[in-house]
Amino acid sequence: MALKTDPSTGSSTGPERLIERARSGGREELGRLLELYRSYLKLLARSQIGQALGRKLDPSDLVQETFLEACRDFQRFGGRSEKELLAWLRRIQTRNLIDHLRGSWPGKAGRGHRESLEVLLERSSTSLHEALARGISSPSAQAARREQSVLLADVLEGLPEDYRDVMVLRHI
C-alpha cells in the first residue's frame, strides 16, 4: 500500500507505521488501518460467499464482523508488515464465514468439514489475490502485488454495482 498523507498532521503514514501506532494503543490509527482494507475484504467476501449464502449474508456485514474481531484481538496480532496483516484479516474473515456456513447447514458442522472449508476458502482468497495482481511479473514488482490487489479492490468498489459484478464475474 502506498504511503498516504494524513490531513490532520500533513505527515505520510503507511500501513507499517499505522500498525506500529495501533500496537501502541492508538484506536484511531487502528481504525484508519482497517479502513485501508475494507474494499479488499468486501471483494474477497463477495467471491467467497457465492450464491449459497448470497441472500443470507451481506459481504459488508461479514467485513464488519471481521473488523470488530480485529479491533478486539489486535493486541494478539504479532505481525509487523502489511502482508502479515492481510493474512491475519483474511483468516478472521474466513473463520467468520465458516461460522455462518455452519449456522446455515447445521448437519455439516463437524470438525473435518470446518477444516476442509478453511482450505477451500483460503484457496479462494489466494485465487482472488492472484487474479487482482495478474500482470505484475517482474521480480522487483512482486512486492507490489498486495498493494495492487488492495488498490484494485478500492477501484472496483467505486463502480456501480452492476458494473462491479460484471468485472468480478468475468475476471475474478
N, C-alpha and C. Protein backbone atom coordinates (compact mmCIF):
# COMPACT_ATOMS: atom_id res chain seq x y z
N MET A 1 0.85 -1.17 0.00
CA MET A 1 0.00 0.00 0.00
C MET A 1 0.89 1.22 0.00
N ALA A 2 0.59 2.16 -0.83
CA ALA A 2 1.38 3.38 -0.93
C ALA A 2 1.20 4.22 0.32
N LEU A 3 2.17 5.10 0.54
CA LEU A 3 2.06 6.00 1.66
C LEU A 3 0.89 6.93 1.45
N LYS A 4 0.17 7.22 2.51
CA LYS A 4 -0.95 8.14 2.47
C LYS A 4 -0.60 9.35 3.32
N THR A 5 -1.06 10.52 2.91
CA THR A 5 -0.82 11.72 3.68
C THR A 5 -1.95 11.92 4.66
N ASP A 6 -1.60 12.08 5.92
CA ASP A 6 -2.57 12.32 6.97
C ASP A 6 -2.92 13.81 6.95
N PRO A 7 -4.18 14.17 6.63
CA PRO A 7 -4.53 15.58 6.52
C PRO A 7 -4.41 16.35 7.84
N SER A 8 -4.59 15.68 8.96
CA SER A 8 -4.52 16.38 10.24
C SER A 8 -3.10 16.76 10.63
N THR A 9 -2.13 15.94 10.21
CA THR A 9 -0.74 16.23 10.59
C THR A 9 0.12 16.59 9.40
N GLY A 10 -0.34 16.26 8.19
CA GLY A 10 0.45 16.52 6.99
C GLY A 10 1.57 15.52 6.79
N SER A 11 1.65 14.50 7.63
CA SER A 11 2.72 13.51 7.52
C SER A 11 2.22 12.28 6.76
N SER A 12 3.16 11.55 6.20
CA SER A 12 2.81 10.34 5.48
C SER A 12 2.74 9.17 6.44
N THR A 13 1.71 8.35 6.26
CA THR A 13 1.56 7.17 7.09
C THR A 13 1.25 5.99 6.21
N GLY A 14 2.11 5.00 6.23
CA GLY A 14 1.88 3.77 5.50
C GLY A 14 1.34 2.73 6.45
N PRO A 15 0.97 1.57 5.91
CA PRO A 15 0.41 0.52 6.76
C PRO A 15 1.32 0.10 7.91
N GLU A 16 2.62 -0.02 7.64
CA GLU A 16 3.53 -0.46 8.70
C GLU A 16 3.59 0.55 9.84
N ARG A 17 3.55 1.83 9.48
CA ARG A 17 3.55 2.89 10.51
C ARG A 17 2.25 2.87 11.30
N LEU A 18 1.13 2.67 10.61
CA LEU A 18 -0.16 2.58 11.30
C LEU A 18 -0.23 1.35 12.20
N ILE A 19 0.36 0.24 11.76
CA ILE A 19 0.42 -0.96 12.61
C ILE A 19 1.17 -0.64 13.89
N GLU A 20 2.30 0.01 13.74
CA GLU A 20 3.12 0.38 14.90
C GLU A 20 2.34 1.28 15.85
N ARG A 21 1.67 2.29 15.31
CA ARG A 21 0.90 3.21 16.15
C ARG A 21 -0.29 2.50 16.81
N ALA A 22 -0.96 1.65 16.05
CA ALA A 22 -2.10 0.91 16.61
C ALA A 22 -1.65 -0.03 17.71
N ARG A 23 -0.48 -0.61 17.55
CA ARG A 23 0.05 -1.52 18.56
C ARG A 23 0.33 -0.77 19.86
N SER A 24 0.62 0.52 19.74
CA SER A 24 0.88 1.35 20.92
C SER A 24 -0.42 1.81 21.59
N GLY A 25 -1.53 1.30 21.10
CA GLY A 25 -2.81 1.63 21.73
C GLY A 25 -3.61 2.67 20.99
N GLY A 26 -3.16 3.09 19.83
CA GLY A 26 -3.88 4.11 19.07
C GLY A 26 -5.10 3.53 18.39
N ARG A 27 -6.29 3.73 18.98
CA ARG A 27 -7.53 3.20 18.42
C ARG A 27 -7.87 3.90 17.10
N GLU A 28 -7.59 5.19 17.02
CA GLU A 28 -7.87 5.92 15.78
C GLU A 28 -7.00 5.38 14.65
N GLU A 29 -5.73 5.11 14.94
CA GLU A 29 -4.83 4.57 13.92
C GLU A 29 -5.28 3.17 13.50
N LEU A 30 -5.76 2.37 14.45
CA LEU A 30 -6.25 1.04 14.12
C LEU A 30 -7.46 1.15 13.19
N GLY A 31 -8.33 2.09 13.48
CA GLY A 31 -9.49 2.31 12.61
C GLY A 31 -9.07 2.71 11.20
N ARG A 32 -8.11 3.64 11.10
CA ARG A 32 -7.62 4.05 9.78
C ARG A 32 -6.94 2.89 9.06
N LEU A 33 -6.19 2.11 9.80
CA LEU A 33 -5.50 0.96 9.22
C LEU A 33 -6.51 -0.03 8.63
N LEU A 34 -7.52 -0.37 9.39
CA LEU A 34 -8.50 -1.32 8.90
C LEU A 34 -9.27 -0.77 7.70
N GLU A 35 -9.57 0.51 7.71
CA GLU A 35 -10.29 1.13 6.59
C GLU A 35 -9.55 0.98 5.27
N LEU A 36 -8.22 0.91 5.33
CA LEU A 36 -7.44 0.73 4.10
C LEU A 36 -7.82 -0.56 3.37
N TYR A 37 -8.34 -1.53 4.10
CA TYR A 37 -8.59 -2.86 3.54
C TYR A 37 -10.07 -3.21 3.43
N ARG A 38 -10.96 -2.25 3.69
CA ARG A 38 -12.41 -2.52 3.63
C ARG A 38 -12.82 -3.03 2.24
N SER A 39 -12.44 -2.34 1.19
CA SER A 39 -12.85 -2.75 -0.17
C SER A 39 -12.26 -4.10 -0.53
N TYR A 40 -11.01 -4.32 -0.16
CA TYR A 40 -10.36 -5.60 -0.45
C TYR A 40 -11.10 -6.75 0.23
N LEU A 41 -11.40 -6.58 1.51
CA LEU A 41 -12.08 -7.64 2.25
C LEU A 41 -13.51 -7.84 1.76
N LYS A 42 -14.15 -6.76 1.34
CA LYS A 42 -15.51 -6.87 0.82
C LYS A 42 -15.52 -7.64 -0.50
N LEU A 43 -14.56 -7.36 -1.36
CA LEU A 43 -14.44 -8.10 -2.61
C LEU A 43 -14.14 -9.57 -2.35
N LEU A 44 -13.27 -9.82 -1.40
CA LEU A 44 -12.97 -11.20 -1.01
C LEU A 44 -14.22 -11.88 -0.49
N ALA A 45 -14.97 -11.18 0.35
CA ALA A 45 -16.21 -11.75 0.89
C ALA A 45 -17.20 -12.09 -0.22
N ARG A 46 -17.34 -11.17 -1.18
CA ARG A 46 -18.25 -11.43 -2.31
C ARG A 46 -17.85 -12.70 -3.05
N SER A 47 -16.55 -12.86 -3.26
CA SER A 47 -16.10 -14.03 -4.02
C SER A 47 -16.25 -15.31 -3.21
N GLN A 48 -16.18 -15.23 -1.90
CA GLN A 48 -16.27 -16.42 -1.06
C GLN A 48 -17.71 -16.81 -0.73
N ILE A 49 -18.56 -15.84 -0.56
CA ILE A 49 -19.94 -16.12 -0.15
C ILE A 49 -20.68 -16.86 -1.25
N GLY A 50 -20.56 -16.40 -2.48
CA GLY A 50 -21.21 -17.07 -3.59
C GLY A 50 -22.71 -17.03 -3.48
N GLN A 51 -23.36 -17.85 -4.26
CA GLN A 51 -24.82 -17.85 -4.29
C GLN A 51 -25.42 -18.59 -3.12
N ALA A 52 -24.67 -19.50 -2.51
CA ALA A 52 -25.22 -20.31 -1.42
C ALA A 52 -25.68 -19.44 -0.25
N LEU A 53 -24.89 -18.46 0.11
CA LEU A 53 -25.25 -17.59 1.23
C LEU A 53 -25.56 -16.17 0.79
N GLY A 54 -25.53 -15.92 -0.50
CA GLY A 54 -25.67 -14.55 -1.01
C GLY A 54 -26.83 -13.77 -0.45
N ARG A 55 -27.97 -14.41 -0.28
CA ARG A 55 -29.14 -13.70 0.23
C ARG A 55 -29.18 -13.68 1.75
N LYS A 56 -28.46 -14.57 2.39
CA LYS A 56 -28.48 -14.65 3.85
C LYS A 56 -27.39 -13.83 4.50
N LEU A 57 -26.33 -13.55 3.77
CA LEU A 57 -25.19 -12.86 4.36
C LEU A 57 -24.67 -11.80 3.41
N ASP A 58 -24.66 -10.58 3.86
CA ASP A 58 -24.17 -9.47 3.06
C ASP A 58 -22.66 -9.36 3.26
N PRO A 59 -21.89 -9.16 2.18
CA PRO A 59 -20.43 -9.03 2.33
C PRO A 59 -20.03 -7.92 3.31
N SER A 60 -20.78 -6.82 3.31
CA SER A 60 -20.45 -5.72 4.24
C SER A 60 -20.59 -6.16 5.70
N ASP A 61 -21.59 -6.99 5.98
CA ASP A 61 -21.77 -7.49 7.34
C ASP A 61 -20.59 -8.38 7.75
N LEU A 62 -20.14 -9.22 6.82
CA LEU A 62 -19.00 -10.09 7.11
C LEU A 62 -17.74 -9.26 7.38
N VAL A 63 -17.52 -8.23 6.57
CA VAL A 63 -16.36 -7.35 6.78
C VAL A 63 -16.47 -6.65 8.12
N GLN A 64 -17.67 -6.19 8.47
CA GLN A 64 -17.85 -5.51 9.76
C GLN A 64 -17.53 -6.45 10.92
N GLU A 65 -17.98 -7.69 10.84
CA GLU A 65 -17.64 -8.67 11.87
C GLU A 65 -16.13 -8.87 11.97
N THR A 66 -15.50 -8.93 10.80
CA THR A 66 -14.05 -9.09 10.76
C THR A 66 -13.36 -7.92 11.45
N PHE A 67 -13.81 -6.70 11.17
CA PHE A 67 -13.22 -5.52 11.79
C PHE A 67 -13.46 -5.51 13.30
N LEU A 68 -14.64 -5.92 13.74
CA LEU A 68 -14.90 -5.96 15.18
C LEU A 68 -13.95 -6.92 15.89
N GLU A 69 -13.77 -8.10 15.30
CA GLU A 69 -12.84 -9.06 15.90
C GLU A 69 -11.41 -8.57 15.83
N ALA A 70 -11.05 -7.93 14.73
CA ALA A 70 -9.68 -7.41 14.60
C ALA A 70 -9.42 -6.34 15.67
N CYS A 71 -10.38 -5.48 15.90
CA CYS A 71 -10.22 -4.46 16.96
C CYS A 71 -10.10 -5.11 18.33
N ARG A 72 -10.95 -6.08 18.58
CA ARG A 72 -10.94 -6.76 19.87
C ARG A 72 -9.63 -7.51 20.11
N ASP A 73 -9.09 -8.14 19.07
CA ASP A 73 -7.95 -9.03 19.23
C ASP A 73 -6.63 -8.46 18.71
N PHE A 74 -6.60 -7.18 18.39
CA PHE A 74 -5.41 -6.63 17.75
C PHE A 74 -4.14 -6.81 18.58
N GLN A 75 -4.26 -6.76 19.89
CA GLN A 75 -3.07 -6.93 20.73
C GLN A 75 -2.44 -8.31 20.57
N ARG A 76 -3.21 -9.27 20.07
CA ARG A 76 -2.67 -10.61 19.82
C ARG A 76 -2.02 -10.74 18.44
N PHE A 77 -2.23 -9.75 17.58
CA PHE A 77 -1.62 -9.77 16.26
C PHE A 77 -0.12 -9.55 16.42
N GLY A 78 0.68 -10.50 15.96
CA GLY A 78 2.12 -10.43 16.15
C GLY A 78 2.90 -9.90 14.96
N GLY A 79 2.23 -9.67 13.86
CA GLY A 79 2.92 -9.25 12.65
C GLY A 79 3.30 -7.78 12.67
N ARG A 80 4.16 -7.44 11.72
CA ARG A 80 4.62 -6.05 11.61
C ARG A 80 4.44 -5.50 10.19
N SER A 81 4.11 -6.36 9.25
CA SER A 81 4.04 -5.92 7.85
C SER A 81 2.61 -5.96 7.33
N GLU A 82 2.41 -5.29 6.21
CA GLU A 82 1.10 -5.30 5.57
C GLU A 82 0.72 -6.72 5.14
N LYS A 83 1.68 -7.46 4.63
CA LYS A 83 1.42 -8.83 4.20
C LYS A 83 0.89 -9.68 5.37
N GLU A 84 1.52 -9.56 6.52
CA GLU A 84 1.08 -10.31 7.70
C GLU A 84 -0.31 -9.85 8.15
N LEU A 85 -0.55 -8.55 8.09
CA LEU A 85 -1.86 -8.03 8.49
C LEU A 85 -2.96 -8.55 7.57
N LEU A 86 -2.71 -8.52 6.25
CA LEU A 86 -3.70 -9.03 5.31
C LEU A 86 -4.00 -10.51 5.54
N ALA A 87 -2.97 -11.29 5.80
CA ALA A 87 -3.17 -12.72 6.06
C ALA A 87 -4.00 -12.91 7.33
N TRP A 88 -3.72 -12.13 8.35
CA TRP A 88 -4.45 -12.22 9.61
C TRP A 88 -5.92 -11.84 9.41
N LEU A 89 -6.17 -10.75 8.69
CA LEU A 89 -7.55 -10.32 8.42
C LEU A 89 -8.30 -11.35 7.58
N ARG A 90 -7.63 -11.94 6.59
CA ARG A 90 -8.28 -12.98 5.78
C ARG A 90 -8.65 -14.19 6.62
N ARG A 91 -7.77 -14.57 7.56
CA ARG A 91 -8.08 -15.71 8.43
C ARG A 91 -9.29 -15.42 9.32
N ILE A 92 -9.35 -14.21 9.88
CA ILE A 92 -10.50 -13.85 10.71
C ILE A 92 -11.77 -13.91 9.87
N GLN A 93 -11.73 -13.33 8.69
CA GLN A 93 -12.91 -13.31 7.83
C GLN A 93 -13.32 -14.71 7.42
N THR A 94 -12.35 -15.56 7.12
CA THR A 94 -12.65 -16.94 6.74
C THR A 94 -13.33 -17.68 7.88
N ARG A 95 -12.82 -17.51 9.10
CA ARG A 95 -13.46 -18.16 10.27
C ARG A 95 -14.88 -17.65 10.46
N ASN A 96 -15.09 -16.35 10.27
CA ASN A 96 -16.44 -15.80 10.41
C ASN A 96 -17.38 -16.39 9.36
N LEU A 97 -16.90 -16.50 8.14
CA LEU A 97 -17.72 -17.07 7.08
C LEU A 97 -18.04 -18.54 7.39
N ILE A 98 -17.08 -19.27 7.87
CA ILE A 98 -17.31 -20.67 8.23
C ILE A 98 -18.36 -20.77 9.32
N ASP A 99 -18.32 -19.87 10.29
CA ASP A 99 -19.34 -19.87 11.35
C ASP A 99 -20.73 -19.65 10.75
N HIS A 100 -20.84 -18.76 9.77
CA HIS A 100 -22.12 -18.53 9.10
C HIS A 100 -22.55 -19.77 8.31
N LEU A 101 -21.60 -20.42 7.65
CA LEU A 101 -21.92 -21.63 6.90
C LEU A 101 -22.41 -22.73 7.83
N ARG A 102 -21.76 -22.86 8.97
CA ARG A 102 -22.19 -23.88 9.94
C ARG A 102 -23.60 -23.60 10.42
N GLY A 103 -23.93 -22.34 10.60
CA GLY A 103 -25.28 -21.97 11.02
C GLY A 103 -26.32 -22.26 9.94
N SER A 104 -25.91 -22.16 8.69
CA SER A 104 -26.83 -22.40 7.58
C SER A 104 -27.04 -23.88 7.32
N TRP A 105 -26.00 -24.67 7.55
CA TRP A 105 -26.07 -26.11 7.32
C TRP A 105 -25.61 -26.85 8.57
N PRO A 106 -26.46 -26.90 9.59
CA PRO A 106 -26.04 -27.48 10.86
C PRO A 106 -25.61 -28.94 10.78
N GLY A 107 -26.12 -29.69 9.82
CA GLY A 107 -25.74 -31.09 9.69
C GLY A 107 -24.30 -31.29 9.23
N LYS A 108 -23.68 -30.22 8.75
CA LYS A 108 -22.33 -30.32 8.22
C LYS A 108 -21.33 -29.59 9.12
N ALA A 109 -21.62 -29.51 10.38
CA ALA A 109 -20.81 -28.67 11.27
C ALA A 109 -19.65 -29.43 11.92
N GLY A 110 -19.33 -30.61 11.44
CA GLY A 110 -18.24 -31.38 12.04
C GLY A 110 -16.89 -30.73 11.84
N ARG A 111 -15.95 -31.12 12.67
CA ARG A 111 -14.60 -30.55 12.63
C ARG A 111 -13.93 -30.76 11.26
N GLY A 112 -14.04 -31.94 10.71
CA GLY A 112 -13.43 -32.22 9.41
C GLY A 112 -14.00 -31.33 8.31
N HIS A 113 -15.30 -31.09 8.38
CA HIS A 113 -15.92 -30.22 7.38
C HIS A 113 -15.42 -28.79 7.54
N ARG A 114 -15.25 -28.33 8.79
CA ARG A 114 -14.76 -26.97 9.03
C ARG A 114 -13.35 -26.81 8.46
N GLU A 115 -12.48 -27.80 8.69
CA GLU A 115 -11.12 -27.72 8.18
C GLU A 115 -11.09 -27.72 6.66
N SER A 116 -11.94 -28.54 6.03
CA SER A 116 -11.95 -28.55 4.57
C SER A 116 -12.49 -27.23 4.03
N LEU A 117 -13.45 -26.61 4.72
CA LEU A 117 -13.94 -25.30 4.32
C LEU A 117 -12.84 -24.25 4.44
N GLU A 118 -12.06 -24.32 5.50
CA GLU A 118 -10.96 -23.36 5.66
C GLU A 118 -9.98 -23.47 4.50
N VAL A 119 -9.64 -24.69 4.11
CA VAL A 119 -8.72 -24.91 2.99
C VAL A 119 -9.34 -24.35 1.71
N LEU A 120 -10.62 -24.65 1.48
CA LEU A 120 -11.31 -24.18 0.28
C LEU A 120 -11.36 -22.65 0.23
N LEU A 121 -11.70 -22.02 1.34
CA LEU A 121 -11.80 -20.57 1.38
C LEU A 121 -10.44 -19.91 1.27
N GLU A 122 -9.42 -20.51 1.85
CA GLU A 122 -8.08 -19.95 1.72
C GLU A 122 -7.61 -20.04 0.26
N ARG A 123 -7.92 -21.15 -0.38
CA ARG A 123 -7.59 -21.29 -1.81
C ARG A 123 -8.33 -20.23 -2.62
N SER A 124 -9.57 -19.97 -2.26
CA SER A 124 -10.36 -18.95 -2.95
C SER A 124 -9.75 -17.57 -2.76
N SER A 125 -9.30 -17.25 -1.55
CA SER A 125 -8.71 -15.93 -1.32
C SER A 125 -7.37 -15.80 -2.03
N THR A 126 -6.63 -16.89 -2.13
CA THR A 126 -5.38 -16.87 -2.87
C THR A 126 -5.65 -16.64 -4.36
N SER A 127 -6.67 -17.31 -4.88
CA SER A 127 -7.04 -17.13 -6.29
C SER A 127 -7.46 -15.69 -6.56
N LEU A 128 -8.24 -15.11 -5.64
CA LEU A 128 -8.65 -13.72 -5.79
C LEU A 128 -7.44 -12.81 -5.81
N HIS A 129 -6.53 -13.02 -4.87
CA HIS A 129 -5.33 -12.19 -4.79
C HIS A 129 -4.53 -12.28 -6.09
N GLU A 130 -4.36 -13.49 -6.60
CA GLU A 130 -3.60 -13.68 -7.84
C GLU A 130 -4.32 -13.04 -9.03
N ALA A 131 -5.64 -13.14 -9.07
CA ALA A 131 -6.39 -12.53 -10.17
C ALA A 131 -6.27 -11.01 -10.14
N LEU A 132 -6.32 -10.44 -8.95
CA LEU A 132 -6.21 -8.99 -8.83
C LEU A 132 -4.82 -8.50 -9.20
N ALA A 133 -3.80 -9.29 -8.91
CA ALA A 133 -2.42 -8.86 -9.14
C ALA A 133 -1.85 -9.37 -10.47
N ARG A 134 -2.66 -10.06 -11.26
CA ARG A 134 -2.19 -10.61 -12.53
C ARG A 134 -1.57 -9.52 -13.39
N GLY A 135 -0.52 -9.86 -14.09
CA GLY A 135 0.13 -8.91 -14.97
C GLY A 135 1.37 -8.29 -14.36
N ILE A 136 1.58 -8.48 -13.07
CA ILE A 136 2.78 -7.95 -12.43
C ILE A 136 3.75 -9.13 -12.34
N SER A 137 4.72 -9.19 -13.25
CA SER A 137 5.52 -10.39 -13.33
C SER A 137 7.00 -10.20 -13.00
N SER A 138 7.51 -8.99 -13.02
CA SER A 138 8.93 -8.83 -12.76
C SER A 138 9.23 -9.11 -11.28
N PRO A 139 10.38 -9.66 -10.98
CA PRO A 139 10.72 -9.97 -9.59
C PRO A 139 10.64 -8.74 -8.67
N SER A 140 11.06 -7.59 -9.17
CA SER A 140 11.02 -6.41 -8.32
C SER A 140 9.59 -5.94 -8.07
N ALA A 141 8.65 -6.32 -8.94
CA ALA A 141 7.26 -5.90 -8.78
C ALA A 141 6.45 -6.85 -7.90
N GLN A 142 7.02 -8.00 -7.55
CA GLN A 142 6.27 -8.96 -6.75
C GLN A 142 5.86 -8.39 -5.40
N ALA A 143 6.67 -7.55 -4.83
CA ALA A 143 6.32 -6.95 -3.54
C ALA A 143 5.13 -6.02 -3.66
N ALA A 144 4.88 -5.51 -4.85
CA ALA A 144 3.77 -4.58 -5.08
C ALA A 144 2.45 -5.30 -5.30
N ARG A 145 2.44 -6.61 -5.38
CA ARG A 145 1.21 -7.35 -5.67
C ARG A 145 0.12 -7.08 -4.64
N ARG A 146 0.48 -7.11 -3.37
CA ARG A 146 -0.53 -6.85 -2.34
C ARG A 146 -1.09 -5.45 -2.52
N GLU A 147 -0.20 -4.50 -2.74
CA GLU A 147 -0.64 -3.12 -2.92
C GLU A 147 -1.58 -3.01 -4.10
N GLN A 148 -1.24 -3.62 -5.22
CA GLN A 148 -2.08 -3.57 -6.41
C GLN A 148 -3.43 -4.22 -6.15
N SER A 149 -3.44 -5.33 -5.42
CA SER A 149 -4.70 -6.01 -5.11
C SER A 149 -5.62 -5.11 -4.30
N VAL A 150 -5.06 -4.47 -3.30
CA VAL A 150 -5.86 -3.60 -2.45
C VAL A 150 -6.36 -2.39 -3.23
N LEU A 151 -5.49 -1.78 -4.04
CA LEU A 151 -5.89 -0.62 -4.83
C LEU A 151 -6.95 -0.98 -5.86
N LEU A 152 -6.80 -2.13 -6.51
CA LEU A 152 -7.79 -2.55 -7.49
C LEU A 152 -9.14 -2.82 -6.82
N ALA A 153 -9.12 -3.41 -5.65
CA ALA A 153 -10.36 -3.63 -4.91
C ALA A 153 -11.04 -2.30 -4.59
N ASP A 154 -10.25 -1.28 -4.25
CA ASP A 154 -10.82 0.06 -3.99
C ASP A 154 -11.48 0.62 -5.24
N VAL A 155 -10.82 0.47 -6.39
CA VAL A 155 -11.38 0.97 -7.65
C VAL A 155 -12.67 0.22 -7.99
N LEU A 156 -12.66 -1.10 -7.85
CA LEU A 156 -13.86 -1.89 -8.13
C LEU A 156 -15.02 -1.47 -7.23
N GLU A 157 -14.72 -1.18 -5.98
CA GLU A 157 -15.75 -0.77 -5.03
C GLU A 157 -16.42 0.53 -5.47
N GLY A 158 -15.69 1.37 -6.19
CA GLY A 158 -16.23 2.65 -6.66
C GLY A 158 -17.14 2.54 -7.87
N LEU A 159 -17.16 1.38 -8.52
CA LEU A 159 -18.01 1.19 -9.70
C LEU A 159 -19.46 0.98 -9.28
N PRO A 160 -20.41 1.30 -10.17
CA PRO A 160 -21.81 0.93 -9.89
C PRO A 160 -21.89 -0.59 -9.71
N GLU A 161 -22.83 -1.03 -8.88
CA GLU A 161 -22.89 -2.44 -8.51
C GLU A 161 -22.97 -3.38 -9.71
N ASP A 162 -23.78 -3.04 -10.71
CA ASP A 162 -23.91 -3.91 -11.88
C ASP A 162 -22.58 -4.05 -12.61
N TYR A 163 -21.87 -2.95 -12.80
CA TYR A 163 -20.58 -3.00 -13.48
C TYR A 163 -19.56 -3.80 -12.68
N ARG A 164 -19.56 -3.56 -11.36
CA ARG A 164 -18.62 -4.28 -10.50
C ARG A 164 -18.88 -5.78 -10.58
N ASP A 165 -20.17 -6.17 -10.53
CA ASP A 165 -20.50 -7.59 -10.60
C ASP A 165 -20.01 -8.21 -11.91
N VAL A 166 -20.18 -7.49 -13.01
CA VAL A 166 -19.70 -8.00 -14.31
C VAL A 166 -18.19 -8.20 -14.28
N MET A 167 -17.47 -7.21 -13.76
CA MET A 167 -16.00 -7.31 -13.70
C MET A 167 -15.57 -8.48 -12.82
N VAL A 168 -16.19 -8.63 -11.66
CA VAL A 168 -15.83 -9.71 -10.75
C VAL A 168 -16.15 -11.06 -11.37
N LEU A 169 -17.33 -11.19 -11.95
CA LEU A 169 -17.70 -12.48 -12.56
C LEU A 169 -16.81 -12.81 -13.75
N ARG A 170 -16.45 -11.82 -14.52
CA ARG A 170 -15.66 -12.06 -15.73
C ARG A 170 -14.20 -12.34 -15.42
N HIS A 171 -13.63 -11.58 -14.52
CA HIS A 171 -12.17 -11.65 -14.33
C HIS A 171 -11.72 -12.32 -13.03
N ILE A 172 -12.58 -12.40 -12.07
CA ILE A 172 -12.16 -12.91 -10.76
C ILE A 172 -12.90 -14.19 -10.42
